[in-house]
PDB file of N, CA and C in Angstrom:
ATOM      1  N   UNK A   1     215.483  51.145 -68.546  1.00  0.00           N
ATOM      2  CA  UNK A   1     216.643  51.433 -67.914  1.00  0.00           C
ATOM      3  C   UNK A   1     217.383  50.583 -67.887  1.00  0.00           C
ATOM      4  N   UNK A   2     218.720  50.126 -67.770  1.00  0.00           N
ATOM      5  CA  UNK A   2     219.552  49.011 -67.003  1.00  0.00           C
ATOM      6  C   UNK A   2     219.900  49.532 -66.044  1.00  0.00           C
ATOM      7  N   UNK A   3     219.748  48.637 -64.998  1.00  0.00           N
ATOM      8  CA  UNK A   3     220.548  48.587 -63.460  1.00  0.00           C
ATOM      9  C   UNK A   3     221.302  47.464 -63.658  1.00  0.00           C
ATOM     10  N   UNK A   4     222.275  47.392 -62.372  1.00  0.00           N
ATOM     11  CA  UNK A   4     222.788  46.190 -62.019  1.00  0.00           C
ATOM     12  C   UNK A   4     223.106  46.179 -60.593  1.00  0.00           C
ATOM     13  N   UNK A   5     222.798  45.071 -60.213  1.00  0.00           N
ATOM     14  CA  UNK A   5     222.620  44.464 -58.952  1.00  0.00           C
ATOM     15  C   UNK A   5     224.146  43.847 -58.645  1.00  0.00           C
ATOM     16  N   UNK A   6     225.101  44.394 -57.406  1.00  0.00           N
ATOM     17  CA  UNK A   6     226.072  43.868 -57.332  1.00  0.00           C
ATOM     18  C   UNK A   6     226.244  43.144 -56.135  1.00  0.00           C
ATOM     19  N   UNK A   7     226.629  41.558 -55.996  1.00  0.00           N
ATOM     20  CA  UNK A   7     227.132  41.002 -54.721  1.00  0.00           C
ATOM     21  C   UNK A   7     228.400  40.028 -54.934  1.00  0.00           C
ATOM     22  N   UNK A   8     228.787  40.609 -53.374  1.00  0.00           N
ATOM     23  CA  UNK A   8     230.302  40.310 -53.180  1.00  0.00           C
ATOM     24  C   UNK A   8     230.451  39.198 -52.517  1.00  0.00           C
ATOM     25  N   UNK A   9     231.147  38.182 -53.370  1.00  0.00           N
ATOM     26  CA  UNK A   9     231.575  36.851 -52.536  1.00  0.00           C
ATOM     27  C   UNK A   9     233.022  36.575 -52.570  1.00  0.00           C
ATOM     28  N   UNK A  10     233.717  36.657 -51.504  1.00  0.00           N
ATOM     29  CA  UNK A  10     235.127  36.732 -51.396  1.00  0.00           C
ATOM     30  C   UNK A  10     235.403  37.752 -52.245  1.00  0.00           C
ATOM     31  N   UNK A  11     236.503  37.311 -53.235  1.00  0.00           N
ATOM     32  CA  UNK A  11     237.153  38.187 -53.849  1.00  0.00           C
ATOM     33  C   UNK A  11     236.388  38.702 -55.399  1.00  0.00           C
ATOM     34  N   UNK A  12     234.992  37.995 -55.325  1.00  0.00           N
ATOM     35  CA  UNK A  12     234.661  38.297 -56.550  1.00  0.00           C
ATOM     36  C   UNK A  12     233.207  38.918 -56.334  1.00  0.00           C
ATOM     37  N   UNK A  13     233.135  40.357 -57.544  1.00  0.00           N
ATOM     38  CA  UNK A  13     231.588  40.838 -57.285  1.00  0.00           C
ATOM     39  C   UNK A  13     231.125  40.061 -58.629  1.00  0.00           C
ATOM     40  N   UNK A  14     229.966  40.002 -58.285  1.00  0.00           N
ATOM     41  CA  UNK A  14     228.838  39.346 -59.069  1.00  0.00           C
ATOM     42  C   UNK A  14     228.005  40.708 -59.663  1.00  0.00           C
ATOM     43  N   UNK A  15     227.831  40.838 -60.938  1.00  0.00           N
ATOM     44  CA  UNK A  15     227.003  41.762 -61.602  1.00  0.00           C
ATOM     45  C   UNK A  15     225.867  41.057 -62.270  1.00  0.00           C
ATOM     46  N   UNK A  16     224.487  41.695 -62.175  1.00  0.00           N
ATOM     47  CA  UNK A  16     223.760  40.904 -62.416  1.00  0.00           C
ATOM     48  C   UNK A  16     222.902  42.104 -63.172  1.00  0.00           C
ATOM     49  N   UNK A  17     222.654  42.583 -64.480  1.00  0.00           N
ATOM     50  CA  UNK A  17     221.858  42.929 -65.169  1.00  0.00           C
ATOM     51  C   UNK A  17     220.312  42.758 -64.863  1.00  0.00           C
ATOM     52  N   UNK A  18     219.231  44.037 -64.976  1.00  0.00           N
ATOM     53  CA  UNK A  18     218.216  44.004 -65.303  1.00  0.00           C
ATOM     54  C   UNK A  18     218.051  45.118 -66.288  1.00  0.00           C
ATOM     55  N   UNK A  19     216.521  44.537 -66.927  1.00  0.00           N
ATOM     56  CA  UNK A  19     216.425  45.946 -68.037  1.00  0.00           C
ATOM     57  C   UNK A  19     217.317  45.298 -69.349  1.00  0.00           C
ATOM     58  N   UNK A  20     216.823  46.590 -70.505  1.00  0.00           N
ATOM     59  CA  UNK A  20     217.642  45.962 -71.785  1.00  0.00           C
ATOM     60  C   UNK A  20     219.227  46.224 -71.751  1.00  0.00           C
ATOM     61  N   UNK A  21     219.858  45.137 -72.255  1.00  0.00           N
ATOM     62  CA  UNK A  21     221.236  45.405 -72.040  1.00  0.00           C
ATOM     63  C   UNK A  21     222.163  45.615 -73.323  1.00  0.00           C
ATOM     64  N   UNK A  22     221.171  45.319 -74.326  1.00  0.00           N
ATOM     65  CA  UNK A  22     222.148  45.712 -75.879  1.00  0.00           C
ATOM     66  C   UNK A  22     221.559  47.221 -76.113  1.00  0.00           C
ATOM     67  N   UNK A  23     221.627  48.343 -75.173  1.00  0.00           N
ATOM     68  CA  UNK A  23     221.287  49.470 -76.273  1.00  0.00           C
ATOM     69  C   UNK A  23     222.463  50.212 -75.494  1.00  0.00           C
ATOM     70  N   UNK A  24     222.411  51.810 -75.937  1.00  0.00           N
ATOM     71  CA  UNK A  24     223.623  52.492 -75.384  1.00  0.00           C
ATOM     72  C   UNK A  24     223.461  53.050 -73.882  1.00  0.00           C
ATOM     73  N   UNK A  25     221.885  53.193 -73.345  1.00  0.00           N
ATOM     74  CA  UNK A  25     222.033  53.399 -72.181  1.00  0.00           C
ATOM     75  C   UNK A  25     222.485  51.919 -71.321  1.00  0.00           C
ATOM     76  N   UNK A  26     222.378  50.843 -71.623  1.00  0.00           N
ATOM     77  CA  UNK A  26     222.497  49.553 -71.150  1.00  0.00           C
ATOM     78  C   UNK A  26     224.179  49.674 -71.262  1.00  0.00           C
ATOM     79  N   UNK A  27     225.082  50.128 -72.041  1.00  0.00           N
ATOM     80  CA  UNK A  27     226.296  50.110 -72.320  1.00  0.00           C
ATOM     81  C   UNK A  27     226.827  50.930 -71.298  1.00  0.00           C
ATOM     82  N   UNK A  28     226.185  52.066 -70.696  1.00  0.00           N
ATOM     83  CA  UNK A  28     226.739  53.429 -70.159  1.00  0.00           C
ATOM     84  C   UNK A  28     226.222  52.763 -68.789  1.00  0.00           C
ATOM     85  N   UNK A  29     225.316  52.482 -68.425  1.00  0.00           N
ATOM     86  CA  UNK A  29     225.053  51.721 -66.957  1.00  0.00           C
ATOM     87  C   UNK A  29     226.030  50.653 -66.781  1.00  0.00           C
ATOM     88  N   UNK A  30     226.611  49.549 -67.644  1.00  0.00           N
ATOM     89  CA  UNK A  30     227.655  48.845 -67.656  1.00  0.00           C
ATOM     90  C   UNK A  30     228.966  49.416 -67.041  1.00  0.00           C
ATOM     91  N   UNK A  31     229.228  50.425 -68.095  1.00  0.00           N
ATOM     92  CA  UNK A  31     230.530  51.060 -67.958  1.00  0.00           C
ATOM     93  C   UNK A  31     230.615  51.669 -66.677  1.00  0.00           C
ATOM     94  N   UNK A  32     229.503  52.353 -66.106  1.00  0.00           N
ATOM     95  CA  UNK A  32     229.392  53.208 -65.012  1.00  0.00           C
ATOM     96  C   UNK A  32     229.707  52.184 -63.977  1.00  0.00           C
ATOM     97  N   UNK A  33     229.102  50.906 -63.838  1.00  0.00           N
ATOM     98  CA  UNK A  33     229.011  49.962 -62.737  1.00  0.00           C
ATOM     99  C   UNK A  33     230.325  49.348 -62.740  1.00  0.00           C
ATOM    100  N   UNK A  34     231.344  49.092 -63.858  1.00  0.00           N
ATOM    101  CA  UNK A  34     232.376  48.822 -63.599  1.00  0.00           C
ATOM    102  C   UNK A  34     233.475  49.774 -63.414  1.00  0.00           C
ATOM    103  N   UNK A  35     233.147  51.012 -63.540  1.00  0.00           N
ATOM    104  CA  UNK A  35     233.924  51.872 -62.850  1.00  0.00           C
ATOM    105  C   UNK A  35     233.967  51.995 -61.460  1.00  0.00           C
ATOM    106  N   UNK A  36     232.764  52.063 -60.874  1.00  0.00           N
ATOM    107  CA  UNK A  36     232.665  51.744 -59.874  1.00  0.00           C
ATOM    108  C   UNK A  36     233.177  50.806 -59.113  1.00  0.00           C
ATOM    109  N   UNK A  37     233.102  49.979 -59.419  1.00  0.00           N
ATOM    110  CA  UNK A  37     233.781  48.559 -58.969  1.00  0.00           C
ATOM    111  C   UNK A  37     235.008  48.774 -58.735  1.00  0.00           C
ATOM    112  N   UNK A  38     235.794  49.325 -59.936  1.00  0.00           N
ATOM    113  CA  UNK A  38     237.232  49.849 -59.854  1.00  0.00           C
ATOM    114  C   UNK A  38     237.520  50.579 -58.845  1.00  0.00           C
ATOM    115  N   UNK A  39     236.915  51.719 -58.727  1.00  0.00           N
ATOM    116  CA  UNK A  39     237.044  52.836 -57.828  1.00  0.00           C
ATOM    117  C   UNK A  39     237.057  52.072 -56.467  1.00  0.00           C
ATOM    118  N   UNK A  40     236.620  50.947 -56.281  1.00  0.00           N
ATOM    119  CA  UNK A  40     236.072  50.264 -54.918  1.00  0.00           C
ATOM    120  C   UNK A  40     237.146  49.486 -54.517  1.00  0.00           C
ATOM    121  N   UNK A  41     238.470  49.206 -55.475  1.00  0.00           N
ATOM    122  CA  UNK A  41     239.057  48.467 -55.972  1.00  0.00           C
ATOM    123  C   UNK A  41     238.489  46.626 -55.935  1.00  0.00           C
ATOM    124  N   UNK A  42     237.521  46.652 -56.572  1.00  0.00           N
ATOM    125  CA  UNK A  42     236.923  45.126 -56.925  1.00  0.00           C
ATOM    126  C   UNK A  42     237.126  45.165 -58.761  1.00  0.00           C
ATOM    127  N   UNK A  43     238.713  43.729 -58.601  1.00  0.00           N
ATOM    128  CA  UNK A  43     238.982  43.800 -59.905  1.00  0.00           C
ATOM    129  C   UNK A  43     238.470  42.783 -60.624  1.00  0.00           C
ATOM    130  N   UNK A  44     238.077  41.805 -59.725  1.00  0.00           N
ATOM    131  CA  UNK A  44     237.429  40.245 -60.001  1.00  0.00           C
ATOM    132  C   UNK A  44     235.985  40.387 -60.272  1.00  0.00           C
ATOM    133  N   UNK A  45     235.507  40.888 -61.671  1.00  0.00           N
ATOM    134  CA  UNK A  45     233.929  40.621 -61.856  1.00  0.00           C
ATOM    135  C   UNK A  45     233.304  39.386 -62.521  1.00  0.00           C
ATOM    136  N   UNK A  46     231.889  39.224 -62.292  1.00  0.00           N
ATOM    137  CA  UNK A  46     231.585  38.040 -62.733  1.00  0.00           C
ATOM    138  C   UNK A  46     230.070  38.705 -63.490  1.00  0.00           C
ATOM    139  N   UNK A  47     230.011  38.719 -64.772  1.00  0.00           N
ATOM    140  CA  UNK A  47     228.724  39.624 -65.297  1.00  0.00           C
ATOM    141  C   UNK A  47     227.793  38.117 -65.176  1.00  0.00           C
ATOM    142  N   UNK A  48     226.801  38.304 -65.049  1.00  0.00           N
ATOM    143  CA  UNK A  48     225.622  37.342 -64.924  1.00  0.00           C
ATOM    144  C   UNK A  48     224.803  37.273 -65.800  1.00  0.00           C
ATOM    145  N   UNK A  49     224.828  36.470 -67.067  1.00  0.00           N
ATOM    146  CA  UNK A  49     223.920  36.884 -67.981  1.00  0.00           C
ATOM    147  C   UNK A  49     222.667  35.786 -68.451  1.00  0.00           C
ATOM    148  N   UNK A  50     221.979  35.370 -67.264  1.00  0.00           N
ATOM    149  CA  UNK A  50     221.043  34.578 -67.159  1.00  0.00           C
ATOM    150  C   UNK A  50     219.813  35.582 -68.050  1.00  0.00           C
ATOM    151  N   UNK A  51     219.342  36.718 -67.934  1.00  0.00           N
ATOM    152  CA  UNK A  51     218.358  37.695 -68.143  1.00  0.00           C
ATOM    153  C   UNK A  51     218.872  38.034 -69.545  1.00  0.00           C
ATOM    154  N   UNK A  52     219.743  37.918 -70.165  1.00  0.00           N
ATOM    155  CA  UNK A  52     220.337  38.346 -71.388  1.00  0.00           C
ATOM    156  C   UNK A  52     220.317  37.726 -72.263  1.00  0.00           C
ATOM    157  N   UNK A  53     219.302  38.147 -73.382  1.00  0.00           N
ATOM    158  CA  UNK A  53     219.061  37.284 -74.315  1.00  0.00           C
ATOM    159  C   UNK A  53     220.312  37.339 -75.349  1.00  0.00           C
ATOM    160  N   UNK A  54     220.752  38.404 -76.168  1.00  0.00           N
ATOM    161  CA  UNK A  54     221.940  38.609 -76.918  1.00  0.00           C
ATOM    162  C   UNK A  54     222.798  39.883 -76.416  1.00  0.00           C
ATOM    163  N   UNK A  55     223.832  40.001 -77.400  1.00  0.00           N
ATOM    164  CA  UNK A  55     224.979  40.565 -77.429  1.00  0.00           C
ATOM    165  C   UNK A  55     225.081  41.444 -78.786  1.00  0.00           C
ATOM    166  N   UNK A  56     225.119  42.962 -78.783  1.00  0.00           N
ATOM    167  CA  UNK A  56     225.421  43.389 -79.880  1.00  0.00           C
ATOM    168  C   UNK A  56     226.856  43.768 -79.921  1.00  0.00           C
ATOM    169  N   UNK A  57     227.382  44.296 -81.266  1.00  0.00           N
ATOM    170  CA  UNK A  57     228.486  44.759 -81.501  1.00  0.00           C
ATOM    171  C   UNK A  57     228.949  45.597 -80.463  1.00  0.00           C
ATOM    172  N   UNK A  58     228.783  46.703 -79.936  1.00  0.00           N
ATOM    173  CA  UNK A  58     228.718  47.517 -78.909  1.00  0.00           C
ATOM    174  C   UNK A  58     229.068  46.915 -77.771  1.00  0.00           C
ATOM    175  N   UNK A  59     228.324  45.778 -77.379  1.00  0.00           N
ATOM    176  CA  UNK A  59     228.362  45.202 -76.166  1.00  0.00           C
ATOM    177  C   UNK A  59     229.889  44.488 -76.068  1.00  0.00           C
ATOM    178  N   UNK A  60     229.992  43.647 -77.517  1.00  0.00           N
ATOM    179  CA  UNK A  60     231.241  42.720 -77.050  1.00  0.00           C
ATOM    180  C   UNK A  60     232.549  43.569 -77.252  1.00  0.00           C
ATOM    181  N   UNK A  61     232.567  44.658 -77.763  1.00  0.00           N
ATOM    182  CA  UNK A  61     233.664  45.789 -77.662  1.00  0.00           C
ATOM    183  C   UNK A  61     233.843  46.410 -76.400  1.00  0.00           C
ATOM    184  N   UNK A  62     232.861  46.314 -75.802  1.00  0.00           N
ATOM    185  CA  UNK A  62     232.931  47.097 -74.251  1.00  0.00           C
ATOM    186  C   UNK A  62     233.100  46.257 -73.140  1.00  0.00           C
ATOM    187  N   UNK A  63     232.933  44.662 -73.489  1.00  0.00           N
ATOM    188  CA  UNK A  63     233.667  43.353 -72.883  1.00  0.00           C
ATOM    189  C   UNK A  63     234.805  43.424 -72.942  1.00  0.00           C
ATOM    190  N   UNK A  64     235.274  43.479 -74.115  1.00  0.00           N
ATOM    191  CA  UNK A  64     236.807  43.357 -74.421  1.00  0.00           C
ATOM    192  C   UNK A  64     237.671  44.648 -73.546  1.00  0.00           C
ATOM    193  N   UNK A  65     237.024  45.859 -74.008  1.00  0.00           N
ATOM    194  CA  UNK A  65     237.952  47.089 -73.330  1.00  0.00           C
ATOM    195  C   UNK A  65     237.735  46.559 -71.593  1.00  0.00           C
ATOM    196  N   UNK A  66     236.525  46.621 -70.909  1.00  0.00           N
ATOM    197  CA  UNK A  66     236.544  46.114 -69.667  1.00  0.00           C
ATOM    198  C   UNK A  66     237.689  45.065 -69.212  1.00  0.00           C
ATOM    199  N   UNK A  67     237.598  43.988 -70.017  1.00  0.00           N
ATOM    200  CA  UNK A  67     238.468  42.721 -69.959  1.00  0.00           C
ATOM    201  C   UNK A  67     239.894  42.968 -69.771  1.00  0.00           C
ATOM    202  N   UNK A  68     240.453  44.126 -70.832  1.00  0.00           N
ATOM    203  CA  UNK A  68     241.751  44.588 -71.080  1.00  0.00           C
ATOM    204  C   UNK A  68     242.111  45.697 -69.504  1.00  0.00           C
ATOM    205  N   UNK A  69     240.984  46.288 -69.217  1.00  0.00           N
ATOM    206  CA  UNK A  69     241.388  47.162 -68.101  1.00  0.00           C
ATOM    207  C   UNK A  69     241.430  46.426 -66.978  1.00  0.00           C
ATOM    208  N   UNK A  70     240.484  45.651 -66.380  1.00  0.00           N
ATOM    209  CA  UNK A  70     240.505  44.717 -65.188  1.00  0.00           C
ATOM    210  C   UNK A  70     241.987  44.125 -65.242  1.00  0.00           C
ATOM    211  N   UNK A  71     242.587  43.716 -66.539  1.00  0.00           N
ATOM    212  CA  UNK A  71     244.009  42.614 -66.570  1.00  0.00           C
ATOM    213  C   UNK A  71     245.071  43.506 -66.163  1.00  0.00           C
ATOM    214  N   UNK A  72     244.768  44.855 -66.653  1.00  0.00           N
ATOM    215  CA  UNK A  72     246.132  45.957 -66.291  1.00  0.00           C
ATOM    216  C   UNK A  72     246.000  46.102 -65.121  1.00  0.00           C
ATOM    217  N   UNK A  73     244.779  45.864 -64.157  1.00  0.00           N
ATOM    218  CA  UNK A  73     244.801  46.052 -62.992  1.00  0.00           C
ATOM    219  C   UNK A  73     244.999  44.933 -61.775  1.00  0.00           C
ATOM    220  N   UNK A  74     245.185  43.820 -62.495  1.00  0.00           N
ATOM    221  CA  UNK A  74     245.351  42.489 -61.552  1.00  0.00           C
ATOM    222  C   UNK A  74     243.907  41.573 -61.690  1.00  0.00           C
ATOM    223  N   UNK A  75     243.078  41.679 -62.362  1.00  0.00           N
ATOM    224  CA  UNK A  75     242.022  41.432 -62.093  1.00  0.00           C
ATOM    225  C   UNK A  75     241.322  40.567 -63.362  1.00  0.00           C
ATOM    226  N   UNK A  76     240.088  40.446 -63.670  1.00  0.00           N
ATOM    227  CA  UNK A  76     239.274  39.479 -64.810  1.00  0.00           C
ATOM    228  C   UNK A  76     237.727  39.628 -64.864  1.00  0.00           C
ATOM    229  N   UNK A  77     237.281  39.362 -66.182  1.00  0.00           N
ATOM    230  CA  UNK A  77     235.776  39.139 -65.954  1.00  0.00           C
ATOM    231  C   UNK A  77     235.817  38.047 -66.623  1.00  0.00           C
ATOM    232  N   UNK A  78     234.540  37.585 -66.077  1.00  0.00           N
ATOM    233  CA  UNK A  78     233.980  36.176 -66.017  1.00  0.00           C
ATOM    234  C   UNK A  78     232.556  36.359 -66.475  1.00  0.00           C
ATOM    235  N   UNK A  79     231.870  35.822 -67.682  1.00  0.00           N
ATOM    236  CA  UNK A  79     230.507  35.503 -68.162  1.00  0.00           C
ATOM    237  C   UNK A  79     229.932  34.310 -67.741  1.00  0.00           C
ATOM    238  N   UNK A  80     228.745  34.343 -66.707  1.00  0.00           N
ATOM    239  CA  UNK A  80     228.357  33.178 -66.270  1.00  0.00           C
ATOM    240  C   UNK A  80     226.633  33.164 -66.752  1.00  0.00           C
ATOM    241  N   UNK A  81     226.371  32.073 -66.606  1.00  0.00           N
ATOM    242  CA  UNK A  81     224.798  31.894 -67.247  1.00  0.00           C
ATOM    243  C   UNK A  81     224.274  32.347 -68.716  1.00  0.00           C
ATOM    244  N   UNK A  82     225.298  32.116 -69.657  1.00  0.00           N
ATOM    245  CA  UNK A  82     225.257  32.702 -70.939  1.00  0.00           C
ATOM    246  C   UNK A  82     224.059  31.734 -71.709  1.00  0.00           C
ATOM    247  N   UNK A  83     223.256  32.166 -72.376  1.00  0.00           N
ATOM    248  CA  UNK A  83     222.278  31.363 -73.186  1.00  0.00           C
ATOM    249  C   UNK A  83     223.322  30.737 -74.422  1.00  0.00           C
ATOM    250  N   UNK A  84     222.400  30.028 -75.096  1.00  0.00           N
ATOM    251  CA  UNK A  84     223.478  29.497 -76.090  1.00  0.00           C
ATOM    252  C   UNK A  84     223.683  30.332 -77.320  1.00  0.00           C
ATOM    253  N   UNK A  85     222.666  31.339 -77.662  1.00  0.00           N
ATOM    254  CA  UNK A  85     223.156  32.101 -78.426  1.00  0.00           C
ATOM    255  C   UNK A  85     224.026  33.290 -78.370  1.00  0.00           C
ATOM    256  N   UNK A  86     223.968  33.537 -77.037  1.00  0.00           N
ATOM    257  CA  UNK A  86     225.176  34.113 -76.480  1.00  0.00           C
ATOM    258  C   UNK A  86     226.574  33.627 -76.639  1.00  0.00           C
ATOM    259  N   UNK A  87     226.598  32.214 -76.216  1.00  0.00           N
ATOM    260  CA  UNK A  87     227.841  31.414 -76.409  1.00  0.00           C
ATOM    261  C   UNK A  87     228.082  31.546 -78.104  1.00  0.00           C
ATOM    262  N   UNK A  88     227.354  31.262 -78.863  1.00  0.00           N
ATOM    263  CA  UNK A  88     227.700  30.977 -80.215  1.00  0.00           C
ATOM    264  C   UNK A  88     228.237  32.782 -80.566  1.00  0.00           C
ATOM    265  N   UNK A  89     227.579  33.701 -80.184  1.00  0.00           N
ATOM    266  CA  UNK A  89     228.127  35.203 -80.661  1.00  0.00           C
ATOM    267  C   UNK A  89     229.727  35.474 -80.164  1.00  0.00           C
ATOM    268  N   UNK A  90     229.752  34.543 -78.779  1.00  0.00           N
ATOM    269  CA  UNK A  90     231.215  34.868 -78.360  1.00  0.00           C
ATOM    270  C   UNK A  90     232.307  33.961 -78.872  1.00  0.00           C
ATOM    271  N   UNK A  91     231.518  33.065 -79.432  1.00  0.00           N
ATOM    272  CA  UNK A  91     232.466  31.981 -80.160  1.00  0.00           C
ATOM    273  C   UNK A  91     232.919  32.643 -81.562  1.00  0.00           C
ATOM    274  N   UNK A  92     231.980  33.252 -82.223  1.00  0.00           N
ATOM    275  CA  UNK A  92     231.734  33.833 -83.531  1.00  0.00           C
ATOM    276  C   UNK A  92     232.741  34.829 -83.391  1.00  0.00           C
ATOM    277  N   UNK A  93     232.414  35.727 -82.474  1.00  0.00           N
ATOM    278  CA  UNK A  93     233.115  37.285 -82.581  1.00  0.00           C
ATOM    279  C   UNK A  93     234.701  36.709 -81.966  1.00  0.00           C
ATOM    280  N   UNK A  94     234.722  35.760 -81.201  1.00  0.00           N
ATOM    281  CA  UNK A  94     236.532  35.756 -80.693  1.00  0.00           C
ATOM    282  C   UNK A  94     236.365  35.770 -78.787  1.00  0.00           C
ATOM    283  N   UNK A  95     235.107  36.581 -78.827  1.00  0.00           N
ATOM    284  CA  UNK A  95     235.145  37.461 -77.316  1.00  0.00           C
ATOM    285  C   UNK A  95     235.655  36.208 -76.520  1.00  0.00           C
ATOM    286  N   UNK A  96     235.030  34.850 -76.804  1.00  0.00           N
ATOM    287  CA  UNK A  96     235.929  33.668 -75.869  1.00  0.00           C
ATOM    288  C   UNK A  96     236.976  33.693 -75.723  1.00  0.00           C
ATOM    289  N   UNK A  97     238.066  34.178 -76.643  1.00  0.00           N
ATOM    290  CA  UNK A  97     239.319  34.097 -76.771  1.00  0.00           C
ATOM    291  C   UNK A  97     240.069  34.986 -75.448  1.00  0.00           C
ATOM    292  N   UNK A  98     239.170  35.604 -74.928  1.00  0.00           N
ATOM    293  CA  UNK A  98     239.943  36.871 -73.973  1.00  0.00           C
ATOM    294  C   UNK A  98     238.983  37.057 -72.872  1.00  0.00           C
ATOM    295  N   UNK A  99     237.791  36.797 -73.072  1.00  0.00           N
ATOM    296  CA  UNK A  99     236.918  36.710 -71.616  1.00  0.00           C
ATOM    297  C   UNK A  99     236.254  35.441 -71.147  1.00  0.00           C
ATOM    298  N   UNK A 100     236.371  34.932 -70.053  1.00  0.00           N
ATOM    299  CA  UNK A 100     236.225  33.695 -69.524  1.00  0.00           C
ATOM    300  C   UNK A 100     234.495  33.304 -69.651  1.00  0.00           C
ATOM    301  N   UNK A 101     234.523  32.434 -70.243  1.00  0.00           N
ATOM    302  CA  UNK A 101     232.842  32.216 -70.345  1.00  0.00           C
ATOM    303  C   UNK A 101     232.534  30.908 -69.659  1.00  0.00           C
ATOM    304  N   UNK A 102     231.803  31.096 -68.755  1.00  0.00           N
ATOM    305  CA  UNK A 102     231.575  29.835 -67.736  1.00  0.00           C
ATOM    306  C   UNK A 102     230.590  29.325 -67.647  1.00  0.00           C
ATOM    307  N   UNK A 103     230.516  27.806 -68.350  1.00  0.00           N
ATOM    308  CA  UNK A 103     229.186  27.364 -68.505  1.00  0.00           C
ATOM    309  C   UNK A 103     228.562  26.726 -67.436  1.00  0.00           C
TER     310      UNK A 103
END
Protein backbone atom coordinates (compact mmCIF):
# COMPACT_ATOMS: atom_id res chain seq x y z
CA UNK A 1 0.00 0.00 0.00
CA UNK A 2 1.23 3.45 -0.92
CA UNK A 3 1.86 5.95 1.84
CA UNK A 4 3.32 9.43 1.78
CA UNK A 5 5.47 11.11 4.36
CA UNK A 6 4.96 14.87 4.54
CA UNK A 7 7.57 17.41 5.52
CA UNK A 8 7.00 21.16 5.55
CA UNK A 9 9.96 23.40 4.82
CA UNK A 10 8.98 27.04 4.62
CA UNK A 11 6.08 27.38 2.20
CA UNK A 12 6.85 24.05 0.52
CA UNK A 13 5.39 20.69 1.48
CA UNK A 14 7.55 17.72 0.49
CA UNK A 15 5.74 14.46 -0.25
CA UNK A 16 7.77 11.26 -0.29
CA UNK A 17 6.01 8.09 -1.44
CA UNK A 18 6.78 4.66 -0.06
CA UNK A 19 5.35 1.55 -1.61
CA UNK A 20 4.08 0.82 -5.12
CA UNK A 21 3.40 4.14 -6.82
CA UNK A 22 2.09 3.30 -10.30
CA UNK A 23 -1.11 1.42 -9.44
CA UNK A 24 -4.68 2.42 -8.59
CA UNK A 25 -4.22 2.34 -4.79
CA UNK A 26 -1.07 4.44 -5.23
CA UNK A 27 -3.00 6.90 -7.38
CA UNK A 28 -5.76 7.17 -4.77
CA UNK A 29 -3.20 7.63 -2.00
CA UNK A 30 -1.60 10.46 -3.99
CA UNK A 31 -4.95 12.16 -4.57
CA UNK A 32 -5.95 11.83 -0.91
CA UNK A 33 -2.60 13.19 0.26
CA UNK A 34 -2.86 16.18 -2.08
CA UNK A 35 -6.47 16.77 -1.01
CA UNK A 36 -5.34 16.81 2.62
CA UNK A 37 -2.56 19.27 1.80
CA UNK A 38 -5.01 21.58 0.03
CA UNK A 39 -7.42 21.44 2.97
CA UNK A 40 -4.52 22.55 5.16
CA UNK A 41 -3.74 25.42 2.72
CA UNK A 42 -0.52 23.80 1.56
CA UNK A 43 -0.51 24.75 -2.13
CA UNK A 44 3.21 24.44 -2.98
CA UNK A 45 4.01 20.74 -3.20
CA UNK A 46 7.24 18.93 -4.00
CA UNK A 47 6.93 15.26 -4.91
CA UNK A 48 10.16 13.34 -4.22
CA UNK A 49 10.47 10.53 -6.78
CA UNK A 50 13.77 9.09 -5.52
CA UNK A 51 12.20 5.69 -4.79
CA UNK A 52 9.85 5.66 -7.80
CA UNK A 53 11.06 3.62 -10.77
CA UNK A 54 8.46 4.58 -13.39
CA UNK A 55 5.22 6.46 -14.10
CA UNK A 56 2.25 5.11 -16.03
CA UNK A 57 -0.41 7.03 -17.95
CA UNK A 58 -2.74 7.23 -14.95
CA UNK A 59 -0.03 8.86 -12.85
CA UNK A 60 0.92 11.32 -15.59
CA UNK A 61 -2.74 12.35 -15.89
CA UNK A 62 -3.06 12.64 -12.12
CA UNK A 63 0.05 14.83 -11.89
CA UNK A 64 -1.36 17.12 -14.59
CA UNK A 65 -4.68 17.36 -12.73
CA UNK A 66 -2.88 18.10 -9.46
CA UNK A 67 -0.76 20.79 -11.10
CA UNK A 68 -3.89 22.41 -12.61
CA UNK A 69 -5.66 22.44 -9.25
CA UNK A 70 -2.66 23.84 -7.40
CA UNK A 71 -2.12 26.58 -10.00
CA UNK A 72 -5.78 27.62 -9.66
CA UNK A 73 -5.11 28.00 -5.93
CA UNK A 74 -1.92 30.00 -6.48
CA UNK A 75 0.40 27.06 -5.88
CA UNK A 76 2.53 24.64 -7.83
CA UNK A 77 3.79 21.09 -8.09
CA UNK A 78 7.47 20.24 -8.47
CA UNK A 79 9.00 16.83 -9.09
CA UNK A 80 12.44 16.12 -7.61
CA UNK A 81 14.92 13.24 -7.64
CA UNK A 82 13.42 11.69 -10.76
CA UNK A 83 15.33 8.85 -12.38
CA UNK A 84 16.47 9.05 -15.99
CA UNK A 85 13.52 6.82 -16.96
CA UNK A 86 11.03 9.17 -15.29
CA UNK A 87 12.67 12.24 -16.86
CA UNK A 88 12.33 10.57 -20.26
CA UNK A 89 8.67 9.74 -19.58
CA UNK A 90 8.06 13.37 -18.59
CA UNK A 91 9.70 14.58 -21.77
CA UNK A 92 7.94 12.04 -24.03
CA UNK A 93 4.48 12.77 -22.57
CA UNK A 94 5.04 16.52 -22.33
CA UNK A 95 4.51 16.46 -18.57
CA UNK A 96 7.69 18.50 -18.16
CA UNK A 97 5.97 21.37 -20.05
CA UNK A 98 3.41 21.68 -17.25
CA UNK A 99 5.07 20.38 -14.09
CA UNK A 100 8.44 21.67 -12.95
CA UNK A 101 10.96 18.83 -13.02
CA UNK A 102 13.89 19.76 -10.78
CA UNK A 103 17.11 17.83 -11.38
